[in-house]
Protein backbone atom coordinates (compact mmCIF):
# COMPACT_ATOMS: atom_id res chain seq x y z
CA MET A 1 20.75 -1.83 75.35
CA ALA A 2 17.46 -1.04 72.94
CA ASP A 3 15.70 -4.33 71.56
CA LYS A 4 17.40 -5.18 68.65
CA PHE A 5 14.37 -5.17 66.26
CA CYS A 6 12.18 -2.02 65.27
CA PRO A 7 10.57 -1.23 61.95
CA GLU A 8 13.65 0.43 60.23
CA HIS A 9 15.22 -2.79 60.61
CA SER A 10 12.73 -4.84 58.63
CA GLN A 11 11.66 -2.70 55.80
CA GLN A 12 8.70 -5.04 54.83
CA TYR A 13 7.32 -4.27 58.46
CA TYR A 14 8.00 -0.50 58.23
CA LYS A 15 6.16 -0.43 54.74
CA GLU A 16 2.99 -1.67 56.56
CA PHE A 17 3.90 1.30 59.03
CA LEU A 18 3.59 3.73 56.77
CA ARG A 19 0.49 2.54 55.10
CA GLU A 20 -1.04 2.43 58.35
CA ILE A 21 0.02 5.86 59.30
CA ASN A 22 -1.34 7.10 56.25
CA ASN A 23 -4.94 5.45 56.55
CA SER A 24 -5.45 6.11 60.23
CA LEU A 25 -5.34 9.86 60.68
CA GLU A 26 -8.51 10.69 61.48
CA PHE A 27 -8.79 7.98 64.20
CA ARG A 28 -5.58 9.15 65.82
CA LYS A 29 -7.29 12.90 66.04
CA LYS A 30 -10.26 11.37 67.85
CA ILE A 31 -7.45 10.10 70.34
CA TYR A 32 -5.62 13.34 70.78
CA ASP A 33 -9.08 14.98 71.73
CA GLN A 34 -9.77 12.22 74.19
CA ILE A 35 -6.53 12.93 75.99
CA GLY A 36 -6.52 16.66 75.81
CA LEU A 37 -3.25 16.83 73.85
CA LYS A 38 -3.91 20.22 72.64
CA ASP A 39 -4.16 21.66 76.21
CA VAL A 40 -1.37 19.85 78.13
CA ARG A 41 2.08 21.34 78.72
CA ARG A 42 4.57 18.46 78.04
CA VAL A 43 4.76 15.41 75.55
CA LEU A 44 6.98 12.69 75.33
CA GLU A 45 7.03 10.47 72.03
CA VAL A 46 9.22 7.63 72.70
CA GLY A 47 10.73 5.65 69.71
CA CYS A 48 10.14 8.35 66.90
CA ARG A 49 11.97 6.99 64.26
CA ASN A 50 12.23 9.63 61.45
CA GLY A 51 9.33 11.74 63.17
CA ILE A 52 6.41 10.76 61.12
CA ILE A 53 4.28 11.04 64.44
CA THR A 54 6.32 13.56 65.95
CA LYS A 55 5.20 16.25 63.32
CA GLU A 56 1.90 15.21 63.55
CA LEU A 57 1.84 15.88 67.18
CA ARG A 58 3.62 19.28 66.53
CA GLU A 59 0.63 20.16 64.64
CA HIS A 60 -2.07 19.31 67.39
CA THR A 61 -0.67 21.05 70.06
CA GLU A 62 1.58 23.93 71.29
CA ALA A 63 3.23 21.99 74.44
CA GLN A 64 6.92 21.17 74.34
CA ILE A 65 7.46 18.17 72.94
CA THR A 66 10.50 15.91 73.76
CA ALA A 67 10.88 12.94 70.92
CA ILE A 68 13.56 10.07 71.67
CA ASP A 69 14.91 7.01 69.92
CA SER A 70 17.61 4.77 70.54
CA ASP A 71 19.26 4.95 66.61
CA HIS A 72 21.30 8.33 66.42
CA LEU A 73 20.56 8.17 62.88
CA ALA A 74 16.87 8.15 62.98
CA ILE A 75 16.96 11.23 65.12
CA ALA A 76 19.62 12.87 63.15
CA GLU A 77 16.85 12.68 60.29
CA ALA A 78 14.08 13.61 62.34
CA SER A 79 15.55 16.61 64.02
CA SER A 80 16.85 18.16 60.82
CA ASN A 81 13.24 17.96 59.04
CA ILE A 82 11.03 19.09 62.14
CA LYS A 83 11.56 22.31 63.96
CA GLY A 84 10.15 22.97 67.41
CA VAL A 85 10.80 19.86 68.77
CA GLU A 86 13.51 18.66 71.50
CA PHE A 87 15.27 15.34 69.94
CA PHE A 88 17.92 12.94 71.73
CA ARG A 89 18.89 9.62 71.73
CA ASP A 90 17.66 7.95 74.90
CA THR A 91 17.20 4.28 75.59
CA GLU A 92 14.15 3.36 76.68
CA GLU A 93 14.85 0.74 79.43
CA LYS A 94 16.27 3.56 81.63
CA LEU A 95 15.29 6.74 80.45
CA SER A 96 17.24 9.76 81.48
CA MET A 97 14.01 11.98 82.24
CA ARG A 98 12.77 12.48 86.08
CA ASP A 99 9.88 11.21 87.63
CA GLU A 100 6.53 12.40 86.48
CA SER A 101 7.94 15.06 83.87
CA PHE A 102 5.31 14.34 81.25
CA ASP A 103 1.71 15.01 80.94
CA ILE A 104 1.44 12.84 77.97
CA VAL A 105 3.54 9.67 77.08
CA VAL A 106 3.38 8.74 73.19
CA CYS A 107 3.93 5.72 71.28
CA HIS A 108 3.41 4.15 67.72
CA TYR A 109 4.37 0.57 66.36
CA PHE A 110 7.05 0.61 69.72
CA PHE A 111 5.69 -2.60 71.87
CA LEU A 112 5.67 -4.91 68.58
CA TRP A 113 9.51 -4.89 68.66
CA ARG A 114 10.10 -4.88 72.31
CA THR A 115 10.66 -8.34 74.36
CA LYS A 116 10.05 -6.91 77.72
CA PRO A 117 6.99 -4.57 77.19
CA PHE A 118 6.10 -4.53 80.67
CA GLY A 119 9.40 -3.10 81.81
CA LEU A 120 9.41 -0.46 79.54
CA LEU A 121 5.34 0.35 80.34
CA MET A 122 6.48 0.94 83.70
CA GLU A 123 9.26 3.01 82.85
CA LEU A 124 7.26 5.28 80.60
CA LYS A 125 4.52 5.36 83.29
CA ARG A 126 7.55 6.45 85.80
CA VAL A 127 8.09 9.52 83.84
CA CYS A 128 4.44 10.76 83.18
CA LYS A 129 2.34 12.72 85.74
CA THR A 130 -0.54 11.12 88.03
CA GLY A 131 -3.21 11.76 86.11
CA GLY A 132 -1.62 11.97 82.39
CA TYR A 133 -1.74 9.16 79.69
CA ILE A 134 0.33 7.01 78.16
CA VAL A 135 -0.73 6.33 74.87
CA ALA A 136 -0.19 3.58 72.45
CA LEU A 137 -1.30 4.75 69.01
CA ALA A 138 -1.34 1.60 67.23
CA GLU A 139 0.20 -1.82 67.60
CA PRO A 140 -0.51 -4.51 64.91
CA ASP A 141 -1.51 -8.01 65.73
CA TYR A 142 -0.56 -10.13 63.20
CA SER A 143 -2.00 -13.31 64.36
CA GLY A 144 -5.20 -11.68 63.81
CA TRP A 145 -4.67 -11.34 60.07
CA ILE A 146 -7.46 -11.70 57.67
CA GLU A 147 -6.82 -13.14 54.25
CA HIS A 148 -9.36 -14.80 51.73
CA PRO A 149 -8.82 -16.76 49.70
CA ASN A 150 -6.32 -18.36 52.84
CA LEU A 151 -3.08 -18.59 50.55
CA GLU A 152 -1.32 -18.29 54.10
CA LEU A 153 0.78 -15.36 53.66
CA GLY A 154 -0.01 -14.03 56.90
CA LYS A 155 0.90 -17.65 58.32
CA TYR A 156 4.68 -16.39 56.99
CA HIS A 157 4.61 -12.96 58.21
CA GLU A 158 3.95 -14.27 61.85
CA GLU A 159 6.64 -16.84 61.46
CA THR A 160 8.70 -13.91 60.37
CA LEU A 161 8.48 -11.54 63.26
CA LYS A 162 8.59 -14.35 65.63
CA ASP A 163 12.01 -14.99 64.08
CA GLN A 164 12.87 -11.73 64.50
CA GLY A 165 11.96 -11.42 68.06
CA ALA A 166 8.89 -9.28 67.56
CA ASN A 167 5.42 -10.45 69.35
CA PRO A 168 2.90 -10.47 66.40
CA SER A 169 0.13 -10.68 68.93
CA ILE A 170 1.27 -7.77 70.73
CA GLY A 171 -2.09 -5.76 69.56
CA ARG A 172 -4.64 -7.88 71.50
CA SER A 173 -2.22 -7.97 74.95
CA LEU A 174 -2.11 -4.48 75.14
CA LEU A 175 -5.39 -4.28 77.30
CA SER A 176 -3.85 -6.88 79.83
CA LEU A 177 -0.65 -5.21 79.62
CA PHE A 178 -1.52 -1.60 80.22
CA SER A 179 -4.20 -2.70 83.10
CA SER A 180 -1.41 -4.84 84.79
CA GLY A 181 0.84 -2.21 84.91
CA GLY A 182 -1.85 -0.31 87.08
CA LEU A 183 -3.33 2.11 84.06
CA GLU A 184 -6.86 2.68 83.92
CA THR A 185 -7.23 1.69 80.11
CA SER A 186 -9.62 1.86 77.18
CA VAL A 187 -8.48 -0.41 74.17
CA TYR A 188 -9.80 0.29 70.41
CA VAL A 189 -9.29 -1.84 67.58
CA ASN A 190 -9.17 -0.77 63.57
CA ALA A 191 -8.73 -3.29 60.65
CA ARG A 192 -7.00 -1.72 57.37
CA ILE A 193 -8.32 -3.78 54.65
CA TRP A 194 -6.04 -3.65 51.54
CA THR A 195 -7.41 -1.51 48.40
CA LYS A 196 -6.77 -3.29 45.20
CA GLU A 197 -4.41 -0.98 43.90
CA GLU A 198 -2.06 -2.21 46.97
CA LEU A 199 -2.70 -5.51 46.26
CA GLU A 200 -1.38 -5.29 42.59
CA ASN A 201 1.31 -3.04 43.90
CA CYS A 202 2.60 -5.06 46.93
CA ILE A 203 1.67 -8.63 46.51
CA GLU A 204 4.53 -9.92 44.56
CA ASN A 205 6.89 -8.14 46.88
CA GLU A 206 5.23 -9.68 49.87
CA TRP A 207 5.72 -13.58 48.68
CA LYS A 208 9.29 -12.44 47.13
CA ASN A 209 10.00 -11.64 51.00
CA VAL A 210 8.82 -15.09 51.97
CA LEU A 211 10.58 -16.55 49.36
CA ASP A 212 14.10 -14.85 50.15
CA LYS A 213 13.61 -15.89 53.72
CA GLY A 214 13.33 -19.49 52.51
CA LEU A 215 10.13 -20.55 53.77
CA ILE A 216 8.92 -21.49 50.04
CA SER A 217 10.58 -22.98 47.16
CA GLU A 218 10.61 -21.02 43.67
CA GLU A 219 7.85 -23.38 42.33
CA GLU A 220 5.86 -22.19 45.70
CA TYR A 221 6.37 -18.62 44.97
CA ASN A 222 5.58 -19.02 41.15
CA ASN A 223 2.04 -20.59 41.94
CA LYS A 224 1.22 -18.27 44.72
CA ILE A 225 1.66 -15.13 42.61
CA GLU A 226 -0.33 -17.03 39.78
CA GLU A 227 -3.22 -17.46 42.46
CA GLU A 228 -2.70 -13.73 43.95
CA LYS A 229 -3.26 -12.31 40.32
CA ARG A 230 -6.04 -14.17 39.39
CA HIS A 231 -8.10 -13.48 42.73
CA ILE A 232 -7.15 -9.75 42.34
CA ASP A 233 -7.99 -9.54 38.79
CA GLU A 234 -11.76 -11.21 39.89
CA ASN A 235 -11.87 -9.02 42.68
CA LEU A 236 -11.81 -11.96 44.85
CA ARG A 237 -8.93 -10.94 47.16
CA VAL A 238 -9.19 -9.95 50.59
CA ILE A 239 -6.49 -8.95 53.03
CA ALA A 240 -6.91 -7.02 56.19
CA LEU A 241 -4.58 -6.35 59.45
CA PRO A 242 -6.28 -5.39 62.85
CA PHE A 243 -4.46 -2.67 64.77
CA PHE A 244 -4.82 -1.96 68.68
CA SER A 245 -4.51 0.96 70.41
CA ALA A 246 -4.39 1.54 74.04
CA ILE A 247 -5.14 4.90 76.47
CA GLY A 248 -3.87 4.31 79.78
CA LYS A 249 -4.60 6.97 82.47
CA LYS A 250 -1.78 6.86 85.37
CA VAL A 251 -3.54 6.63 88.51
CA ILE A 252 -2.22 5.59 92.02
CA LEU A 253 -3.04 1.60 92.05
CA GLU A 254 0.60 0.55 92.85
CA GLU A 255 -0.58 -2.61 94.78
CA ASP A 256 -2.63 -3.93 91.53
CA ILE A 257 0.82 -4.30 89.42
CA ILE A 258 1.56 -7.67 88.13
CA ASP A 259 3.82 -8.66 85.37
CA PRO A 260 1.54 -10.50 83.06
CA TYR A 261 5.11 -11.42 81.26
CA ASP A 262 6.94 -12.54 84.65
């Protein structure tokens, strides 16, 4: 069975996923160039959701693309909107593909919601060809949330993610995860700073989610909103969220594989 939580099950974090997608295209293009995406024959995207990254992959390579997700509704939506891609429902814990089937295996906002990331990584590695790449395009690190002045919004995000079964620190864990899986690994980090427009349009809803989860009182909520509006109007409010990316090359180093989560 797939892990219970994914971005579709939490609209709050799915919105952050969409904001990250829209702000990091140029960085992903550099990753695509680094792994030689346009020249490979077969690509697998795991956890494709409604196909935002899938469509982007289709635009950057003529390779045969297979995109999977455990949610049949997401697969139905993606397949109806994107042509030239093989979509089907599959479980990440035990993929139906044969060993060494793909030149590149890609995921995005995938490990954040997985309780057993090492086992999943090993399954991605199994279906990746030797010499090929496993790529985590972006995994957020909510434990590295930056805000000034500190109104503790990041703390509440982290608590909520933990309650939902997610790992808010997964971004910084990618290097140890991929390296422990016997992959030659490069890791990168970007930070997305919220614009003033995003702060003005989103901050009330961010705190409303905290209120709805019972983490603060109505009085505390009203005080937080008052503070937020004052800081935003005076151009004093800063919120930034780091995102980690990992590129792992599959080489024969089986004796070096150690599950860091065991």
